[in-house]
Amino acid sequence: MRIYPILLASAGLMAAPVAAAEITVQATGPVIELVVNEQVEVEPDQVTISAGVTNRAMTAQEALSQNSAQMQRVIDRLRSLGIPERDIQTTRINLGARFEYDQPSQRQVFRGYEASNQVRVLLRDTENVGRVLDALVQAGANDINGPRFSVSDDTGPKAEARRRALERARGMAMDYARVAGYSNVRVLKIAESVSGSAREYSADAIMVTAQRAGAAPPVQPGMVETGVTVSVTYEAVN
């Protein structure tokens, strides 16, 4: 949490754009400008994981054919778990030649082709992440990234963060006003900056090479953070 207080010793004019109109507020006392960032913790209710398949073969057609068949099994497994089509999205398909540097001959040697396919999966139940990861590996996924936890609607938590931010800002402004010899403050301007929805917390990427997992991996959703940054301008008054 970072707070940047600035106290301007002289009177000034504060302007704020509202609905494409320019509004100028007169200030006869010292102006106090504060920027307050407030975060609140939220229990996540959804999680995103990426699951993919990577195959290697001597020909491009063989590599892509093997990859497509294996990836289809992964997608079918996701569907069998009750995950709707709208929550399964293909994010990457790659096919390229493989070369390795041969030290004795000091040249690049062709080693075949590599094909990869990856989907992003949105799970709206954080309780079954481990079971889904285990099922994906059993279906043939060998490249898994995530999980990334988030919340679907952080309107309420953001409102709480907003309230806390304004309370902190007013308390700080009052401290500055009293030090400067004033008894109160009045609001001249409020501006808010919101950077997206709740911050995602992600685990390290999981690279899987085995065909089956011995047991479902333990997954703890923990908490995620959401918040706002509020810029408030006050005038010190008596």
Protein backbone atom coordinates (compact mmCIF):
# COMPACT_ATOMS: atom_id res chain seq x y z
CA MET A 1 0.00 0.00 0.00
CA ARG A 2 1.50 3.33 -1.04
CA ILE A 3 0.34 6.78 -0.02
CA TYR A 4 1.74 9.97 -1.52
CA PRO A 5 0.81 13.09 0.45
CA ILE A 6 1.59 16.52 -1.03
CA LEU A 7 0.90 19.80 0.80
CA LEU A 8 0.79 22.96 -1.31
CA ALA A 9 1.43 26.07 0.76
CA SER A 10 -0.34 28.53 -1.50
CA ALA A 11 -3.90 28.86 -2.71
CA GLY A 12 -4.69 27.50 -6.14
CA LEU A 13 -7.33 26.66 -8.71
CA MET A 14 -8.40 23.05 -9.12
CA ALA A 15 -10.06 21.92 -12.34
CA ALA A 16 -11.81 18.58 -13.02
CA PRO A 17 -13.25 17.34 -16.32
CA VAL A 18 -16.83 16.13 -15.85
CA ALA A 19 -18.93 14.92 -18.79
CA ALA A 20 -16.72 16.76 -21.26
CA ALA A 21 -17.23 20.03 -19.33
CA GLU A 22 -14.51 21.98 -17.56
CA ILE A 23 -15.39 22.85 -13.96
CA THR A 24 -13.13 25.18 -11.99
CA VAL A 25 -13.26 25.15 -8.19
CA GLN A 26 -11.99 28.18 -6.29
CA ALA A 27 -9.83 27.52 -3.24
CA THR A 28 -8.93 30.31 -0.83
CA GLY A 29 -6.97 28.16 1.62
CA PRO A 30 -4.00 25.81 1.25
CA VAL A 31 -4.65 22.84 -1.03
CA ILE A 32 -3.85 19.26 0.04
CA GLU A 33 -3.48 16.62 -2.66
CA LEU A 34 -3.46 12.93 -1.69
CA VAL A 35 -3.20 9.69 -3.64
CA VAL A 36 -4.33 6.65 -1.64
CA ASN A 37 -4.25 3.02 -2.75
CA GLU A 38 -6.44 0.61 -0.81
CA GLN A 39 -6.60 -3.17 -1.30
CA VAL A 40 -9.00 -5.69 0.22
CA GLU A 41 -8.76 -9.47 0.24
CA VAL A 42 -11.45 -11.54 -1.45
CA GLU A 43 -12.11 -15.27 -1.53
CA PRO A 44 -11.78 -16.38 -5.17
CA ASP A 45 -14.71 -18.09 -6.87
CA GLN A 46 -13.16 -19.02 -10.21
CA VAL A 47 -9.85 -20.29 -11.52
CA THR A 48 -8.14 -20.35 -14.91
CA ILE A 49 -5.74 -23.05 -16.07
CA SER A 50 -4.00 -23.69 -19.36
CA ALA A 51 -3.69 -27.24 -20.63
CA GLY A 52 -1.88 -28.36 -23.72
CA VAL A 53 -0.25 -31.18 -25.63
CA THR A 54 3.18 -31.18 -27.27
CA ASN A 55 4.25 -33.93 -29.70
CA ARG A 56 7.36 -34.62 -31.74
CA ALA A 57 7.67 -36.64 -34.95
CA MET A 58 9.92 -36.83 -37.99
CA THR A 59 7.34 -35.36 -40.36
CA ALA A 60 5.12 -32.31 -39.96
CA GLN A 61 2.00 -34.28 -40.86
CA GLU A 62 2.75 -36.97 -38.32
CA ALA A 63 3.50 -34.48 -35.55
CA LEU A 64 0.30 -32.51 -36.19
CA SER A 65 -1.83 -35.64 -36.56
CA GLN A 66 -0.62 -37.10 -33.27
CA ASN A 67 -1.03 -33.76 -31.54
CA SER A 68 -4.57 -33.24 -32.85
CA ALA A 69 -5.72 -36.69 -31.76
CA GLN A 70 -4.22 -36.32 -28.29
CA MET A 71 -5.60 -32.81 -27.86
CA GLN A 72 -9.06 -33.97 -28.87
CA ARG A 73 -8.95 -36.48 -26.02
CA VAL A 74 -8.07 -33.67 -23.62
CA ILE A 75 -10.97 -31.51 -24.83
CA ASP A 76 -13.38 -34.45 -24.67
CA ARG A 77 -12.27 -35.10 -21.10
CA LEU A 78 -12.99 -31.47 -20.17
CA ARG A 79 -16.46 -31.76 -21.65
CA SER A 80 -17.09 -34.98 -19.75
CA LEU A 81 -16.34 -33.10 -16.52
CA GLY A 82 -19.26 -30.77 -17.24
CA ILE A 83 -17.20 -27.77 -18.33
CA PRO A 84 -19.26 -25.78 -20.88
CA GLU A 85 -17.94 -25.01 -24.36
CA ARG A 86 -17.79 -21.26 -23.65
CA ASP A 87 -15.25 -21.89 -20.87
CA ILE A 88 -12.84 -23.81 -23.13
CA GLN A 89 -10.85 -21.67 -25.56
CA THR A 90 -7.97 -22.57 -27.84
CA THR A 91 -5.15 -20.09 -27.25
CA ARG A 92 -2.20 -21.48 -29.22
CA ILE A 93 -1.39 -23.91 -32.02
CA ASN A 94 2.24 -24.23 -33.13
CA LEU A 95 3.99 -26.43 -35.66
CA GLY A 96 7.67 -26.05 -36.46
CA ALA A 97 10.88 -27.80 -37.35
CA ARG A 98 13.30 -28.84 -34.62
CA PHE A 99 17.03 -28.30 -34.91
CA GLU A 100 19.81 -29.10 -32.47
CA TYR A 101 23.36 -27.82 -32.58
CA ASP A 102 25.83 -30.64 -33.19
CA GLN A 103 29.09 -29.82 -31.47
CA PRO A 104 31.42 -32.15 -33.46
CA SER A 105 30.21 -30.93 -36.84
CA GLN A 106 29.48 -27.42 -35.54
CA ARG A 107 26.23 -27.11 -37.42
CA GLN A 108 22.48 -27.27 -36.87
CA VAL A 109 21.03 -30.76 -37.35
CA PHE A 110 17.39 -31.35 -38.27
CA ARG A 111 15.60 -33.42 -35.61
CA GLY A 112 12.04 -33.50 -36.93
CA TYR A 113 8.95 -31.46 -36.12
CA GLU A 114 7.20 -30.34 -32.97
CA ALA A 115 3.45 -29.61 -32.74
CA SER A 116 1.68 -28.05 -29.76
CA ASN A 117 -1.89 -27.08 -28.96
CA GLN A 118 -3.11 -25.33 -25.83
CA VAL A 119 -6.48 -24.34 -24.39
CA ARG A 120 -7.45 -21.99 -21.60
CA VAL A 121 -10.05 -23.41 -19.23
CA LEU A 122 -12.21 -21.38 -16.85
CA LEU A 123 -13.41 -23.32 -13.81
CA ARG A 124 -16.26 -21.76 -11.86
CA ASP A 125 -15.68 -24.04 -8.88
CA THR A 126 -12.39 -23.74 -7.00
CA GLU A 127 -13.02 -26.96 -5.08
CA ASN A 128 -12.34 -29.29 -8.03
CA VAL A 129 -9.14 -27.84 -9.46
CA GLY A 130 -6.97 -30.75 -8.36
CA ARG A 131 -9.40 -33.30 -9.78
CA VAL A 132 -9.51 -31.46 -13.12
CA LEU A 133 -5.71 -31.25 -13.33
CA ASP A 134 -5.43 -34.98 -12.64
CA ALA A 135 -8.05 -35.76 -15.29
CA LEU A 136 -6.23 -33.61 -17.85
CA VAL A 137 -2.95 -35.45 -17.34
CA GLN A 138 -4.73 -38.79 -17.61
CA ALA A 139 -6.26 -37.63 -20.89
CA GLY A 140 -2.82 -36.84 -22.31
CA ALA A 141 -2.08 -33.21 -21.41
CA ASN A 142 1.67 -32.75 -20.89
CA ASP A 143 1.88 -28.95 -20.64
CA ILE A 144 -0.15 -27.39 -17.83
CA ASN A 145 0.11 -23.82 -16.53
CA GLY A 146 -1.68 -22.32 -13.55
CA PRO A 147 -3.88 -22.26 -11.64
CA ARG A 148 -4.77 -18.54 -11.57
CA PHE A 149 -7.43 -17.61 -9.03
CA SER A 150 -9.74 -14.61 -9.37
CA VAL A 151 -13.25 -13.40 -8.56
CA SER A 152 -16.08 -13.06 -11.07
CA ASP A 153 -17.58 -9.91 -9.50
CA ASP A 154 -15.56 -7.65 -7.22
CA THR A 155 -18.05 -4.75 -7.14
CA GLY A 156 -18.71 -5.12 -3.42
CA PRO A 157 -15.05 -5.47 -2.38
CA LYS A 158 -14.11 -2.48 -4.54
CA ALA A 159 -16.80 -0.41 -2.82
CA GLU A 160 -15.27 -1.36 0.53
CA ALA A 161 -11.79 -0.43 -0.72
CA ARG A 162 -13.18 2.89 -1.95
CA ARG A 163 -14.72 3.64 1.46
CA ARG A 164 -11.47 2.83 3.26
CA ALA A 165 -9.44 4.92 0.84
CA LEU A 166 -11.61 7.99 1.36
CA GLU A 167 -11.51 7.57 5.14
CA ARG A 168 -7.71 7.35 5.05
CA ALA A 169 -7.47 10.34 2.75
CA ARG A 170 -9.66 12.50 4.97
CA GLY A 171 -7.74 11.49 8.10
CA MET A 172 -4.43 12.39 6.49
CA ALA A 173 -5.81 15.64 5.13
CA MET A 174 -7.00 16.61 8.60
CA ASP A 175 -3.52 15.93 9.99
CA TYR A 176 -1.94 18.22 7.41
CA ALA A 177 -4.58 20.91 7.93
CA ARG A 178 -4.07 20.98 11.70
CA VAL A 179 -0.29 21.21 11.31
CA ALA A 180 -0.84 24.17 8.98
CA GLY A 181 -3.12 25.85 11.55
CA TYR A 182 -6.54 24.96 10.10
CA SER A 183 -9.41 23.14 11.81
CA ASN A 184 -11.11 21.34 8.93
CA VAL A 185 -10.96 20.40 5.25
CA ARG A 186 -13.40 20.39 2.34
CA VAL A 187 -13.27 18.21 -0.75
CA LEU A 188 -12.40 19.94 -4.02
CA LYS A 189 -11.89 16.97 -6.30
CA ILE A 190 -12.05 13.15 -6.28
CA ALA A 191 -10.64 10.93 -9.03
CA GLU A 192 -10.43 7.15 -9.08
CA SER A 193 -8.18 4.75 -10.94
CA VAL A 194 -9.20 1.10 -11.18
CA SER A 195 -6.82 -1.39 -12.79
CA GLY A 196 -9.06 -4.19 -14.01
CA SER A 197 -10.83 -6.74 -11.84
CA ALA A 198 -9.50 -8.61 -8.84
CA ARG A 199 -5.82 -9.32 -9.03
CA GLU A 200 -5.08 -12.89 -10.03
CA TYR A 201 -2.84 -15.05 -7.88
CA SER A 202 -1.16 -17.81 -9.84
CA ALA A 203 0.84 -20.88 -8.98
CA ASP A 204 4.03 -21.75 -10.81
CA ALA A 205 3.67 -23.42 -14.18
CA ILE A 206 3.35 -27.19 -14.03
CA MET A 207 5.24 -29.08 -16.74
CA VAL A 208 3.98 -32.67 -16.98
CA THR A 209 5.76 -35.42 -18.87
CA ALA A 210 4.14 -38.52 -17.36
CA GLN A 211 1.11 -40.10 -19.00
CA ARG A 212 -0.75 -40.43 -15.71
CA ALA A 213 -0.57 -38.69 -12.36
CA GLY A 214 -0.39 -40.77 -9.21
CA ALA A 215 -2.90 -38.58 -7.38
CA ALA A 216 -4.74 -35.31 -7.80
CA PRO A 217 -2.42 -32.43 -6.87
CA PRO A 218 -3.44 -30.47 -3.76
CA VAL A 219 -4.62 -26.96 -4.64
CA GLN A 220 -5.31 -24.17 -2.13
CA PRO A 221 -7.26 -21.16 -3.50
CA GLY A 222 -6.21 -18.79 -0.71
CA MET A 223 -7.28 -15.16 -1.17
CA VAL A 224 -6.92 -12.63 -3.98
CA GLU A 225 -6.78 -8.84 -3.78
CA THR A 226 -8.82 -6.11 -5.38
CA GLY A 227 -8.83 -2.39 -4.77
CA VAL A 228 -8.79 1.16 -6.02
CA THR A 229 -6.46 4.12 -6.18
CA VAL A 230 -8.16 7.38 -5.22
CA SER A 231 -6.81 10.88 -5.80
CA VAL A 232 -8.47 13.42 -3.51
CA THR A 233 -7.87 17.17 -3.35
CA TYR A 234 -8.87 19.07 -0.23
CA GLU A 235 -8.85 22.69 0.81
CA ALA A 236 -7.81 23.47 4.37
CA VAL A 237 -10.48 25.65 6.04
CA ASN A 238 -11.41 26.97 9.48
